């Protein structure tokens, strides 16, 4: 049940904020992706 609620919440966020997210530069999104991947790595992250 939690997975269904999570998926529905993510879908609602994507649908509601897609126009706002399209104004974010791709370089900023790439930087966020790099930081998240770095922190997710077990050998490099905190």
PDB file of N, CA and C in Angstrom:
ATOM      1  N   UNK A   1       0.819  -1.199   0.000  1.00  0.00           N
ATOM      2  CA  UNK A   1       0.000   0.000   0.000  1.00  0.00           C
ATOM      3  C   UNK A   1       0.859   1.259   0.000  1.00  0.00           C
ATOM      4  N   UNK A   2       1.969   1.203   0.740  1.00  0.00           N
ATOM      5  CA  UNK A   2       2.846   2.375   0.803  1.00  0.00           C
ATOM      6  C   UNK A   2       3.453   2.689  -0.563  1.00  0.00           C
ATOM      7  N   UNK A   3       3.758   1.649  -1.330  1.00  0.00           N
ATOM      8  CA  UNK A   3       4.332   1.862  -2.659  1.00  0.00           C
ATOM      9  C   UNK A   3       3.322   2.543  -3.587  1.00  0.00           C
ATOM     10  N   UNK A   4       2.062   2.197  -3.469  1.00  0.00           N
ATOM     11  CA  UNK A   4       1.029   2.817  -4.306  1.00  0.00           C
ATOM     12  C   UNK A   4       0.862   4.284  -3.949  1.00  0.00           C
ATOM     13  N   UNK A   5       0.857   4.586  -2.652  1.00  0.00           N
ATOM     14  CA  UNK A   5       0.735   5.981  -2.211  1.00  0.00           C
ATOM     15  C   UNK A   5       1.958   6.777  -2.658  1.00  0.00           C
ATOM     16  N   UNK A   6       3.128   6.186  -2.549  1.00  0.00           N
ATOM     17  CA  UNK A   6       4.349   6.862  -2.969  1.00  0.00           C
ATOM     18  C   UNK A   6       4.328   7.133  -4.468  1.00  0.00           C
ATOM     19  N   UNK A   7       3.930   6.159  -5.255  1.00  0.00           N
ATOM     20  CA  UNK A   7       3.864   6.336  -6.705  1.00  0.00           C
ATOM     21  C   UNK A   7       2.842   7.402  -7.087  1.00  0.00           C
ATOM     22  N   UNK A   8       1.705   7.404  -6.419  1.00  0.00           N
ATOM     23  CA  UNK A   8       0.675   8.413  -6.707  1.00  0.00           C
ATOM     24  C   UNK A   8       1.151   9.805  -6.322  1.00  0.00           C
ATOM     25  N   UNK A   9       1.853   9.911  -5.209  1.00  0.00           N
ATOM     26  CA  UNK A   9       2.384  11.207  -4.778  1.00  0.00           C
ATOM     27  C   UNK A   9       3.423  11.720  -5.770  1.00  0.00           C
ATOM     28  N   UNK A  10       4.332  10.854  -6.202  1.00  0.00           N
ATOM     29  CA  UNK A  10       5.330  11.262  -7.179  1.00  0.00           C
ATOM     30  C   UNK A  10       4.692  11.665  -8.501  1.00  0.00           C
ATOM     31  N   UNK A  11       3.687  10.930  -8.925  1.00  0.00           N
ATOM     32  CA  UNK A  11       2.986  11.275 -10.162  1.00  0.00           C
ATOM     33  C   UNK A  11       2.320  12.643 -10.044  1.00  0.00           C
ATOM     34  N   UNK A  12       1.687  12.907  -8.921  1.00  0.00           N
ATOM     35  CA  UNK A  12       1.038  14.207  -8.706  1.00  0.00           C
ATOM     36  C   UNK A  12       2.061  15.336  -8.715  1.00  0.00           C
ATOM     37  N   UNK A  13       3.203  15.117  -8.072  1.00  0.00           N
ATOM     38  CA  UNK A  13       4.241  16.153  -8.045  1.00  0.00           C
ATOM     39  C   UNK A  13       4.769  16.415  -9.447  1.00  0.00           C
ATOM     40  N   UNK A  14       5.015  15.339 -10.199  1.00  0.00           N
ATOM     41  CA  UNK A  14       5.526  15.507 -11.559  1.00  0.00           C
ATOM     42  C   UNK A  14       4.514  16.244 -12.428  1.00  0.00           C
ATOM     43  N   UNK A  15       3.260  15.897 -12.317  1.00  0.00           N
ATOM     44  CA  UNK A  15       2.241  16.544 -13.141  1.00  0.00           C
ATOM     45  C   UNK A  15       2.017  17.998 -12.741  1.00  0.00           C
ATOM     46  N   UNK A  16       2.077  18.281 -11.452  1.00  0.00           N
ATOM     47  CA  UNK A  16       1.811  19.646 -10.985  1.00  0.00           C
ATOM     48  C   UNK A  16       2.999  20.586 -11.215  1.00  0.00           C
ATOM     49  N   UNK A  17       4.207  20.059 -11.094  1.00  0.00           N
ATOM     50  CA  UNK A  17       5.377  20.931 -11.145  1.00  0.00           C
ATOM     51  C   UNK A  17       6.220  20.735 -12.395  1.00  0.00           C
ATOM     52  N   UNK A  18       5.698  20.089 -13.419  1.00  0.00           N
ATOM     53  CA  UNK A  18       6.466  19.856 -14.647  1.00  0.00           C
ATOM     54  C   UNK A  18       6.814  21.177 -15.332  1.00  0.00           C
ATOM     55  N   UNK A  19       5.895  22.103 -15.356  1.00  0.00           N
ATOM     56  CA  UNK A  19       6.142  23.391 -16.003  1.00  0.00           C
ATOM     57  C   UNK A  19       7.219  24.168 -15.244  1.00  0.00           C
ATOM     58  N   UNK A  20       7.186  24.090 -13.936  1.00  0.00           N
ATOM     59  CA  UNK A  20       8.188  24.768 -13.121  1.00  0.00           C
ATOM     60  C   UNK A  20       9.552  24.113 -13.283  1.00  0.00           C
ATOM     61  N   UNK A  21       9.588  22.801 -13.352  1.00  0.00           N
ATOM     62  CA  UNK A  21      10.854  22.082 -13.485  1.00  0.00           C
ATOM     63  C   UNK A  21      11.491  22.296 -14.851  1.00  0.00           C
ATOM     64  N   UNK A  22      10.703  22.607 -15.841  1.00  0.00           N
ATOM     65  CA  UNK A  22      11.267  22.808 -17.176  1.00  0.00           C
ATOM     66  C   UNK A  22      12.091  24.083 -17.261  1.00  0.00           C
ATOM     67  N   UNK A  23      11.934  24.988 -16.300  1.00  0.00           N
ATOM     68  CA  UNK A  23      12.712  26.229 -16.311  1.00  0.00           C
ATOM     69  C   UNK A  23      14.049  26.085 -15.584  1.00  0.00           C
ATOM     70  N   UNK A  24      14.303  24.928 -14.958  1.00  0.00           N
ATOM     71  CA  UNK A  24      15.577  24.689 -14.277  1.00  0.00           C
ATOM     72  C   UNK A  24      16.611  24.299 -15.325  1.00  0.00           C
ATOM     73  N   UNK A  25      17.758  24.956 -15.330  1.00  0.00           N
ATOM     74  CA  UNK A  25      18.788  24.608 -16.322  1.00  0.00           C
ATOM     75  C   UNK A  25      19.280  23.167 -16.153  1.00  0.00           C
ATOM     76  N   UNK A  26      19.606  22.528 -17.270  1.00  0.00           N
ATOM     77  CA  UNK A  26      20.058  21.144 -17.221  1.00  0.00           C
ATOM     78  C   UNK A  26      21.374  20.992 -16.456  1.00  0.00           C
ATOM     79  N   UNK A  27      22.221  22.015 -16.481  1.00  0.00           N
ATOM     80  CA  UNK A  27      23.472  21.942 -15.737  1.00  0.00           C
ATOM     81  C   UNK A  27      23.208  21.845 -14.232  1.00  0.00           C
ATOM     82  N   UNK A  28      22.186  22.527 -13.761  1.00  0.00           N
ATOM     83  CA  UNK A  28      21.822  22.460 -12.341  1.00  0.00           C
ATOM     84  C   UNK A  28      21.316  21.074 -11.994  1.00  0.00           C
ATOM     85  N   UNK A  29      20.477  20.506 -12.842  1.00  0.00           N
ATOM     86  CA  UNK A  29      19.981  19.151 -12.595  1.00  0.00           C
ATOM     87  C   UNK A  29      21.115  18.133 -12.631  1.00  0.00           C
ATOM     88  N   UNK A  30      22.070  18.329 -13.521  1.00  0.00           N
ATOM     89  CA  UNK A  30      23.217  17.427 -13.591  1.00  0.00           C
ATOM     90  C   UNK A  30      24.062  17.523 -12.326  1.00  0.00           C
ATOM     91  N   UNK A  31      24.242  18.733 -11.806  1.00  0.00           N
ATOM     92  CA  UNK A  31      25.004  18.911 -10.573  1.00  0.00           C
ATOM     93  C   UNK A  31      24.311  18.228  -9.396  1.00  0.00           C
ATOM     94  N   UNK A  32      23.005  18.345  -9.331  1.00  0.00           N
ATOM     95  CA  UNK A  32      22.245  17.674  -8.264  1.00  0.00           C
ATOM     96  C   UNK A  32      22.401  16.162  -8.386  1.00  0.00           C
ATOM     97  N   UNK A  33      22.359  15.647  -9.611  1.00  0.00           N
ATOM     98  CA  UNK A  33      22.527  14.220  -9.835  1.00  0.00           C
ATOM     99  C   UNK A  33      23.900  13.743  -9.384  1.00  0.00           C
ATOM    100  N   UNK A  34      24.941  14.520  -9.664  1.00  0.00           N
ATOM    101  CA  UNK A  34      26.293  14.146  -9.260  1.00  0.00           C
ATOM    102  C   UNK A  34      26.413  14.130  -7.743  1.00  0.00           C
ATOM    103  N   UNK A  35      25.866  15.134  -7.073  1.00  0.00           N
ATOM    104  CA  UNK A  35      25.935  15.195  -5.609  1.00  0.00           C
ATOM    105  C   UNK A  35      25.188  14.020  -4.981  1.00  0.00           C
ATOM    106  N   UNK A  36      24.011  13.718  -5.497  1.00  0.00           N
ATOM    107  CA  UNK A  36      23.241  12.595  -4.953  1.00  0.00           C
ATOM    108  C   UNK A  36      23.976  11.276  -5.184  1.00  0.00           C
ATOM    109  N   UNK A  37      24.542  11.092  -6.369  1.00  0.00           N
ATOM    110  CA  UNK A  37      25.280   9.865  -6.656  1.00  0.00           C
ATOM    111  C   UNK A  37      26.514   9.751  -5.768  1.00  0.00           C
ATOM    112  N   UNK A  38      27.190  10.858  -5.524  1.00  0.00           N
ATOM    113  CA  UNK A  38      28.361  10.849  -4.656  1.00  0.00           C
ATOM    114  C   UNK A  38      27.971  10.465  -3.233  1.00  0.00           C
ATOM    115  N   UNK A  39      26.905  11.056  -2.730  1.00  0.00           N
ATOM    116  CA  UNK A  39      26.456  10.748  -1.359  1.00  0.00           C
ATOM    117  C   UNK A  39      25.886   9.339  -1.245  1.00  0.00           C
ATOM    118  N   UNK A  40      25.397   8.802  -2.339  1.00  0.00           N
ATOM    119  CA  UNK A  40      24.806   7.466  -2.338  1.00  0.00           C
ATOM    120  C   UNK A  40      25.878   6.388  -2.352  1.00  0.00           C
ATOM    121  N   UNK A  41      27.057   6.737  -2.864  1.00  0.00           N
ATOM    122  CA  UNK A  41      28.149   5.775  -2.958  1.00  0.00           C
ATOM    123  C   UNK A  41      28.631   5.398  -1.562  1.00  0.00           C
ATOM    124  N   UNK A  42      28.737   4.103  -1.271  1.00  0.00           N
ATOM    125  CA  UNK A  42      29.137   3.685   0.075  1.00  0.00           C
ATOM    126  C   UNK A  42      30.587   4.028   0.415  1.00  0.00           C
ATOM    127  N   UNK A  43      31.456   4.132  -0.586  1.00  0.00           N
ATOM    128  CA  UNK A  43      32.863   4.412  -0.303  1.00  0.00           C
ATOM    129  C   UNK A  43      33.181   5.894  -0.227  1.00  0.00           C
ATOM    130  N   UNK A  44      32.356   6.745  -0.830  1.00  0.00           N
ATOM    131  CA  UNK A  44      32.675   8.173  -0.890  1.00  0.00           C
ATOM    132  C   UNK A  44      31.777   9.030  -0.007  1.00  0.00           C
ATOM    133  N   UNK A  45      30.564   8.630   0.193  1.00  0.00           N
ATOM    134  CA  UNK A  45      29.605   9.462   0.915  1.00  0.00           C
ATOM    135  C   UNK A  45      29.837   9.486   2.405  1.00  0.00           C
ATOM    136  N   UNK A  46      29.096  10.313   3.103  1.00  0.00           N
ATOM    137  CA  UNK A  46      29.243  10.419   4.559  1.00  0.00           C
ATOM    138  C   UNK A  46      28.763   9.204   5.307  1.00  0.00           C
TER     139      UNK A  46
END
